[in-house]
Amino acid sequence: MAPNVSAGSEGFKETIAFLRHVFPDITITIEDVVVSGDRAAVRTVARGTHKAEMMGIPATGRQVEFNASDIHRVEGGRIVQSWHLEDYVGLLSQLGATFSAAS
């Protein structure tokens, strides 16, 4: 979610710092964890108040809720690879963004 983040654990730290800046009261609730072999799937819901610019949208003061899903590959007890998907359309809609078809 954070623009131009580094790879690996540094990128994760940068993303968390960005989220805490934009949504200072953010809470992230783990809804599901499913483990199979060396993979763990995690479904989360984040909630917070939009207090800083995000993706060109100035702070709105709106309460938002957005979903994310991750699949992590674990090796030696550490996450070594991740696939991440967030509901950006749902989040941006809550912030008042509008969408139109490309020409």
C-alpha atoms as a PDB file:
ATOM      1  CA  MET A   1       0.000   0.000   0.000  1.00  0.00           C
ATOM      2  CA  ALA A   2       2.798   2.414   0.740  1.00  0.00           C
ATOM      3  CA  PRO A   3       4.291   3.903  -2.426  1.00  0.00           C
ATOM      4  CA  ASN A   4       7.806   2.844  -3.492  1.00  0.00           C
ATOM      5  CA  VAL A   5       8.591   0.574  -0.551  1.00  0.00           C
ATOM      6  CA  SER A   6      11.669  -1.614  -0.264  1.00  0.00           C
ATOM      7  CA  ALA A   7      11.479  -5.371  -0.513  1.00  0.00           C
ATOM      8  CA  GLY A   8      11.429  -7.687   2.480  1.00  0.00           C
ATOM      9  CA  SER A   9      11.130  -6.777   6.129  1.00  0.00           C
ATOM     10  CA  GLU A  10      12.234  -3.170   5.491  1.00  0.00           C
ATOM     11  CA  GLY A  11       9.356  -2.722   3.056  1.00  0.00           C
ATOM     12  CA  PHE A  12       6.953  -4.150   5.618  1.00  0.00           C
ATOM     13  CA  LYS A  13       8.201  -1.654   8.227  1.00  0.00           C
ATOM     14  CA  GLU A  14       7.795   1.206   5.717  1.00  0.00           C
ATOM     15  CA  THR A  15       4.247   0.083   4.921  1.00  0.00           C
ATOM     16  CA  ILE A  16       3.294  -0.059   8.608  1.00  0.00           C
ATOM     17  CA  ALA A  17       4.760   3.427   9.166  1.00  0.00           C
ATOM     18  CA  PHE A  18       2.774   4.729   6.172  1.00  0.00           C
ATOM     19  CA  LEU A  19      -0.467   3.167   7.420  1.00  0.00           C
ATOM     20  CA  ARG A  20       0.051   4.590  10.921  1.00  0.00           C
ATOM     21  CA  HIS A  21       0.625   8.020   9.379  1.00  0.00           C
ATOM     22  CA  VAL A  22      -2.504   7.919   7.197  1.00  0.00           C
ATOM     23  CA  PHE A  23      -4.692   6.106   9.753  1.00  0.00           C
ATOM     24  CA  PRO A  24      -3.203   6.946  13.199  1.00  0.00           C
ATOM     25  CA  ASP A  25      -5.847   4.920  15.040  1.00  0.00           C
ATOM     26  CA  ILE A  26      -5.607   1.900  12.728  1.00  0.00           C
ATOM     27  CA  THR A  27      -6.516  -1.525  14.047  1.00  0.00           C
ATOM     28  CA  ILE A  28      -5.965  -4.691  12.069  1.00  0.00           C
ATOM     29  CA  THR A  29      -8.044  -7.726  12.978  1.00  0.00           C
ATOM     30  CA  ILE A  30      -7.050 -11.181  11.815  1.00  0.00           C
ATOM     31  CA  GLU A  31     -10.226 -12.868  10.624  1.00  0.00           C
ATOM     32  CA  ASP A  32      -8.818 -16.178   9.363  1.00  0.00           C
ATOM     33  CA  VAL A  33      -5.550 -18.101   9.197  1.00  0.00           C
ATOM     34  CA  VAL A  34      -5.309 -21.272   7.119  1.00  0.00           C
ATOM     35  CA  VAL A  35      -2.091 -23.302   7.028  1.00  0.00           C
ATOM     36  CA  SER A  36      -1.169 -25.947   4.483  1.00  0.00           C
ATOM     37  CA  GLY A  37       2.364 -27.254   4.165  1.00  0.00           C
ATOM     38  CA  ASP A  38       4.753 -24.308   3.909  1.00  0.00           C
ATOM     39  CA  ARG A  39       1.959 -21.798   3.177  1.00  0.00           C
ATOM     40  CA  ALA A  40      -0.194 -19.684   5.494  1.00  0.00           C
ATOM     41  CA  ALA A  41      -3.174 -17.702   4.203  1.00  0.00           C
ATOM     42  CA  VAL A  42      -4.270 -14.746   6.332  1.00  0.00           C
ATOM     43  CA  ARG A  43      -7.428 -12.655   5.919  1.00  0.00           C
ATOM     44  CA  THR A  44      -7.521  -9.317   7.769  1.00  0.00           C
ATOM     45  CA  VAL A  45      -9.780  -6.306   8.215  1.00  0.00           C
ATOM     46  CA  ALA A  46      -8.232  -2.888   8.901  1.00  0.00           C
ATOM     47  CA  ARG A  47     -10.202  -0.026  10.419  1.00  0.00           C
ATOM     48  CA  GLY A  48      -9.140   3.557  11.029  1.00  0.00           C
ATOM     49  CA  THR A  49      -9.678   7.275  10.516  1.00  0.00           C
ATOM     50  CA  HIS A  50      -8.282   8.876   7.345  1.00  0.00           C
ATOM     51  CA  LYS A  51      -6.039  11.655   8.738  1.00  0.00           C
ATOM     52  CA  ALA A  52      -3.434  12.207   5.972  1.00  0.00           C
ATOM     53  CA  GLU A  53      -3.141  12.212   2.176  1.00  0.00           C
ATOM     54  CA  MET A  54      -3.379   8.835   0.507  1.00  0.00           C
ATOM     55  CA  MET A  55      -3.136   8.125  -3.226  1.00  0.00           C
ATOM     56  CA  GLY A  56      -3.801  11.784  -3.987  1.00  0.00           C
ATOM     57  CA  ILE A  57      -6.833  12.041  -1.683  1.00  0.00           C
ATOM     58  CA  PRO A  58      -6.383  14.600   1.106  1.00  0.00           C
ATOM     59  CA  ALA A  59      -7.392  13.650   4.652  1.00  0.00           C
ATOM     60  CA  THR A  60     -11.166  13.281   4.929  1.00  0.00           C
ATOM     61  CA  GLY A  61     -11.584  12.413   8.615  1.00  0.00           C
ATOM     62  CA  ARG A  62     -13.750   9.473   7.508  1.00  0.00           C
ATOM     63  CA  GLN A  63     -13.804   6.149   9.297  1.00  0.00           C
ATOM     64  CA  VAL A  64     -12.844   3.394   6.856  1.00  0.00           C
ATOM     65  CA  GLU A  65     -12.696  -0.372   6.791  1.00  0.00           C
ATOM     66  CA  PHE A  66     -10.784  -2.393   4.223  1.00  0.00           C
ATOM     67  CA  ASN A  67      -9.926  -6.032   3.681  1.00  0.00           C
ATOM     68  CA  ALA A  68      -6.639  -7.679   2.813  1.00  0.00           C
ATOM     69  CA  SER A  69      -5.561 -11.215   2.048  1.00  0.00           C
ATOM     70  CA  ASP A  70      -2.047 -12.584   2.225  1.00  0.00           C
ATOM     71  CA  ILE A  71      -0.439 -15.879   1.384  1.00  0.00           C
ATOM     72  CA  HIS A  72       2.929 -16.389   3.018  1.00  0.00           C
ATOM     73  CA  ARG A  73       5.512 -19.056   2.270  1.00  0.00           C
ATOM     74  CA  VAL A  74       7.336 -20.004   5.448  1.00  0.00           C
ATOM     75  CA  GLU A  75      10.805 -21.495   5.667  1.00  0.00           C
ATOM     76  CA  GLY A  76      12.679 -22.133   8.906  1.00  0.00           C
ATOM     77  CA  GLY A  77       9.963 -20.359  10.898  1.00  0.00           C
ATOM     78  CA  ARG A  78      10.281 -17.144   8.854  1.00  0.00           C
ATOM     79  CA  ILE A  79       8.206 -15.670   6.071  1.00  0.00           C
ATOM     80  CA  VAL A  80      10.369 -15.856   2.942  1.00  0.00           C
ATOM     81  CA  GLN A  81       7.796 -14.909   0.308  1.00  0.00           C
ATOM     82  CA  SER A  82       4.405 -13.180   0.367  1.00  0.00           C
ATOM     83  CA  TRP A  83       1.544 -12.454  -1.990  1.00  0.00           C
ATOM     84  CA  HIS A  84      -0.671  -9.572  -0.873  1.00  0.00           C
ATOM     85  CA  LEU A  85      -4.043  -8.311  -2.083  1.00  0.00           C
ATOM     86  CA  GLU A  86      -5.955  -5.307  -0.695  1.00  0.00           C
ATOM     87  CA  ASP A  87      -9.385  -3.971  -1.564  1.00  0.00           C
ATOM     88  CA  TYR A  88      -8.150  -0.614  -2.893  1.00  0.00           C
ATOM     89  CA  VAL A  89     -11.397   0.070  -4.789  1.00  0.00           C
ATOM     90  CA  GLY A  90     -13.451  -0.389  -1.627  1.00  0.00           C
ATOM     91  CA  LEU A  91     -11.067   1.784   0.396  1.00  0.00           C
ATOM     92  CA  LEU A  92     -10.877   4.578  -2.183  1.00  0.00           C
ATOM     93  CA  SER A  93     -14.669   4.533  -2.576  1.00  0.00           C
ATOM     94  CA  GLN A  94     -15.010   5.133   1.158  1.00  0.00           C
ATOM     95  CA  LEU A  95     -12.681   8.133   0.779  1.00  0.00           C
ATOM     96  CA  GLY A  96     -14.904   9.616  -1.933  1.00  0.00           C
ATOM     97  CA  ALA A  97     -12.958   8.600  -5.028  1.00  0.00           C
ATOM     98  CA  THR A  98     -14.939   8.053  -8.207  1.00  0.00           C
ATOM     99  CA  PHE A  99     -14.067   5.745 -11.045  1.00  0.00           C
ATOM    100  CA  SER A 100     -14.731   5.808 -14.760  1.00  0.00           C
ATOM    101  CA  ALA A 101     -13.939   3.484 -17.652  1.00  0.00           C
ATOM    102  CA  ALA A 102     -10.754   4.220 -19.567  1.00  0.00           C
ATOM    103  CA  SER A 103     -11.215   5.531 -23.101  1.00  0.00           C
END
